[in-house]
């Protein structure tokens, strides 16, 4: 039984899909893409709610304020 548990843990370590660093990196990439394409609203269509919220925060942080002429 211990051997089987060790195998399962080893396989889980090889697939860090749920690692916080991976989630943050993916959110940054999705947010950057959305900001560059000026399509932030599309994030909700193809991402999980958690990932979409993180990507939206990244996209909002990348927004460049429009300067008004003086």
N, C-alpha and C. Protein backbone atom coordinates (compact mmCIF):
# COMPACT_ATOMS: atom_id res chain seq x y z
N UNK A 1 0.82 -1.19 0.00
CA UNK A 1 0.00 0.00 0.00
C UNK A 1 0.87 1.26 0.00
N UNK A 2 1.95 1.24 0.77
CA UNK A 2 2.84 2.38 0.82
C UNK A 2 3.48 2.64 -0.54
N UNK A 3 3.81 1.57 -1.25
CA UNK A 3 4.41 1.72 -2.58
C UNK A 3 3.44 2.41 -3.53
N UNK A 4 2.19 2.02 -3.51
CA UNK A 4 1.17 2.63 -4.37
C UNK A 4 1.00 4.10 -4.03
N UNK A 5 0.97 4.43 -2.75
CA UNK A 5 0.85 5.83 -2.33
C UNK A 5 2.04 6.63 -2.82
N UNK A 6 3.24 6.07 -2.73
CA UNK A 6 4.44 6.75 -3.21
C UNK A 6 4.40 7.00 -4.70
N UNK A 7 3.90 6.03 -5.46
CA UNK A 7 3.76 6.20 -6.91
C UNK A 7 2.79 7.33 -7.24
N UNK A 8 1.67 7.38 -6.55
CA UNK A 8 0.67 8.42 -6.80
C UNK A 8 1.24 9.80 -6.49
N UNK A 9 1.98 9.91 -5.40
CA UNK A 9 2.57 11.19 -5.04
C UNK A 9 3.64 11.61 -6.04
N UNK A 10 4.40 10.66 -6.54
CA UNK A 10 5.43 10.97 -7.54
C UNK A 10 4.79 11.44 -8.83
N UNK A 11 3.71 10.82 -9.25
CA UNK A 11 3.02 11.25 -10.47
C UNK A 11 2.41 12.64 -10.29
N UNK A 12 1.86 12.92 -9.12
CA UNK A 12 1.27 14.23 -8.86
C UNK A 12 2.35 15.31 -8.88
N UNK A 13 3.55 14.99 -8.42
CA UNK A 13 4.63 15.97 -8.42
C UNK A 13 5.11 16.28 -9.83
N UNK A 14 4.92 15.37 -10.76
CA UNK A 14 5.34 15.59 -12.14
C UNK A 14 4.33 16.44 -12.90
N UNK A 15 3.14 16.58 -12.39
CA UNK A 15 2.09 17.37 -13.04
C UNK A 15 1.67 18.51 -12.14
N UNK A 16 2.41 19.61 -12.13
CA UNK A 16 2.06 20.71 -11.21
C UNK A 16 1.01 21.66 -11.78
N UNK A 17 -0.08 21.13 -12.35
CA UNK A 17 -1.10 21.99 -12.94
C UNK A 17 -1.71 22.95 -11.93
N UNK A 18 -1.80 22.52 -10.69
CA UNK A 18 -2.44 23.35 -9.68
C UNK A 18 -1.45 24.17 -8.87
N UNK A 19 -0.20 24.19 -9.29
CA UNK A 19 0.80 24.96 -8.55
C UNK A 19 0.48 26.45 -8.67
N UNK A 20 0.57 27.20 -7.58
CA UNK A 20 0.25 28.63 -7.61
C UNK A 20 1.09 29.41 -8.61
N UNK A 21 2.35 29.02 -8.77
CA UNK A 21 3.22 29.72 -9.72
C UNK A 21 2.73 29.54 -11.15
N UNK A 22 2.27 28.34 -11.45
CA UNK A 22 1.76 28.06 -12.80
C UNK A 22 0.47 28.85 -13.06
N UNK A 23 -0.42 28.86 -12.08
CA UNK A 23 -1.68 29.60 -12.24
C UNK A 23 -1.41 31.09 -12.44
N UNK A 24 -0.48 31.65 -11.66
CA UNK A 24 -0.15 33.06 -11.78
C UNK A 24 0.46 33.37 -13.14
N UNK A 25 1.36 32.50 -13.60
CA UNK A 25 2.00 32.70 -14.90
C UNK A 25 0.98 32.66 -16.03
N UNK A 26 0.07 31.70 -15.97
CA UNK A 26 -0.97 31.60 -17.00
C UNK A 26 -1.88 32.83 -16.96
N UNK A 27 -2.23 33.29 -15.77
CA UNK A 27 -3.08 34.47 -15.65
C UNK A 27 -2.38 35.69 -16.24
N UNK A 28 -1.08 35.81 -16.00
CA UNK A 28 -0.33 36.94 -16.57
C UNK A 28 -0.34 36.89 -18.08
N UNK A 29 -0.14 35.71 -18.64
CA UNK A 29 -0.13 35.59 -20.10
C UNK A 29 -1.50 35.88 -20.70
N UNK A 30 -2.55 35.36 -20.09
CA UNK A 30 -3.90 35.62 -20.59
C UNK A 30 -4.25 37.11 -20.46
N UNK A 31 -3.87 37.71 -19.34
CA UNK A 31 -4.15 39.14 -19.14
C UNK A 31 -3.40 40.01 -20.12
N UNK A 32 -2.14 39.66 -20.39
CA UNK A 32 -1.35 40.41 -21.37
C UNK A 32 -1.95 40.28 -22.76
N UNK A 33 -2.33 39.08 -23.13
CA UNK A 33 -2.94 38.86 -24.45
C UNK A 33 -4.24 39.65 -24.58
N UNK A 34 -5.05 39.62 -23.54
CA UNK A 34 -6.33 40.34 -23.57
C UNK A 34 -6.11 41.84 -23.70
N UNK A 35 -5.10 42.36 -23.00
CA UNK A 35 -4.83 43.80 -23.07
C UNK A 35 -4.27 44.18 -24.44
N UNK A 36 -3.38 43.36 -24.98
CA UNK A 36 -2.81 43.67 -26.29
C UNK A 36 -3.87 43.62 -27.40
N UNK A 37 -4.80 42.69 -27.27
CA UNK A 37 -5.87 42.55 -28.26
C UNK A 37 -7.05 43.47 -27.95
N UNK A 38 -6.98 44.17 -26.83
CA UNK A 38 -8.06 45.04 -26.37
C UNK A 38 -9.38 44.28 -26.30
N UNK A 39 -9.30 43.07 -25.72
CA UNK A 39 -10.47 42.20 -25.63
C UNK A 39 -10.54 41.56 -24.24
N UNK A 40 -10.58 42.39 -23.21
CA UNK A 40 -10.59 41.91 -21.84
C UNK A 40 -11.88 41.16 -21.53
N UNK A 41 -12.98 41.53 -22.16
CA UNK A 41 -14.26 40.89 -21.88
C UNK A 41 -14.30 39.43 -22.32
N UNK A 42 -13.42 39.03 -23.23
CA UNK A 42 -13.44 37.65 -23.70
C UNK A 42 -12.85 36.67 -22.69
N UNK A 43 -12.20 37.18 -21.64
CA UNK A 43 -11.58 36.29 -20.65
C UNK A 43 -12.59 35.38 -19.99
N UNK A 44 -13.79 35.88 -19.76
CA UNK A 44 -14.81 35.08 -19.09
C UNK A 44 -15.34 33.96 -19.96
N UNK A 45 -15.12 34.05 -21.26
CA UNK A 45 -15.67 33.05 -22.17
C UNK A 45 -14.92 31.74 -22.21
N UNK A 46 -13.61 31.75 -21.95
CA UNK A 46 -12.85 30.52 -22.12
C UNK A 46 -11.98 30.15 -20.92
N UNK A 47 -12.01 30.93 -19.86
CA UNK A 47 -11.21 30.63 -18.68
C UNK A 47 -12.11 30.28 -17.50
N UNK A 48 -11.52 29.57 -16.55
CA UNK A 48 -12.26 29.29 -15.32
C UNK A 48 -12.48 30.62 -14.58
N UNK A 49 -13.47 30.70 -13.73
CA UNK A 49 -13.74 31.97 -13.02
C UNK A 49 -12.53 32.49 -12.24
N UNK A 50 -11.79 31.59 -11.58
CA UNK A 50 -10.62 32.00 -10.81
C UNK A 50 -9.54 32.56 -11.75
N UNK A 51 -9.27 31.86 -12.83
CA UNK A 51 -8.24 32.29 -13.78
C UNK A 51 -8.66 33.59 -14.46
N UNK A 52 -9.93 33.72 -14.81
CA UNK A 52 -10.42 34.93 -15.47
C UNK A 52 -10.28 36.13 -14.55
N UNK A 53 -10.56 35.96 -13.27
CA UNK A 53 -10.44 37.07 -12.32
C UNK A 53 -8.99 37.51 -12.18
N UNK A 54 -8.08 36.54 -12.10
CA UNK A 54 -6.66 36.88 -12.01
C UNK A 54 -6.17 37.56 -13.28
N UNK A 55 -6.57 37.04 -14.43
CA UNK A 55 -6.15 37.61 -15.71
C UNK A 55 -6.72 39.02 -15.89
N UNK A 56 -7.94 39.23 -15.41
CA UNK A 56 -8.56 40.57 -15.49
C UNK A 56 -7.77 41.58 -14.64
N UNK A 57 -7.31 41.15 -13.46
CA UNK A 57 -6.50 42.03 -12.62
C UNK A 57 -5.19 42.40 -13.32
N UNK A 58 -4.59 41.42 -13.98
CA UNK A 58 -3.35 41.69 -14.71
C UNK A 58 -3.62 42.66 -15.85
N UNK A 59 -4.68 42.42 -16.60
CA UNK A 59 -5.02 43.30 -17.72
C UNK A 59 -5.32 44.71 -17.24
N UNK A 60 -6.00 44.83 -16.11
CA UNK A 60 -6.29 46.15 -15.56
C UNK A 60 -5.01 46.87 -15.14
N UNK A 61 -4.07 46.12 -14.59
CA UNK A 61 -2.80 46.72 -14.17
C UNK A 61 -1.99 47.19 -15.37
N UNK A 62 -2.20 46.56 -16.52
CA UNK A 62 -1.44 46.91 -17.72
C UNK A 62 -2.10 48.03 -18.52
N UNK A 63 -3.26 48.45 -18.10
CA UNK A 63 -3.97 49.50 -18.83
C UNK A 63 -3.19 50.81 -18.76
N UNK A 64 -3.00 51.42 -19.90
CA UNK A 64 -2.28 52.68 -19.97
C UNK A 64 -3.30 53.80 -19.96
N UNK A 65 -3.22 54.71 -18.98
CA UNK A 65 -4.20 55.79 -18.94
C UNK A 65 -4.02 56.74 -20.14
N UNK A 66 -5.11 57.16 -20.67
CA UNK A 66 -5.08 58.09 -21.79
C UNK A 66 -4.81 59.50 -21.27
N UNK A 67 -3.82 60.13 -21.83
CA UNK A 67 -3.49 61.49 -21.43
C UNK A 67 -4.37 62.46 -22.20
N UNK A 68 -4.89 63.42 -21.50
CA UNK A 68 -5.71 64.44 -22.16
C UNK A 68 -4.81 65.62 -22.52
N UNK A 69 -4.97 66.16 -23.71
CA UNK A 69 -4.13 67.30 -24.10
C UNK A 69 -4.43 68.52 -23.22
N UNK A 70 -3.40 69.22 -22.86
CA UNK A 70 -3.57 70.39 -21.98
C UNK A 70 -3.84 71.65 -22.77
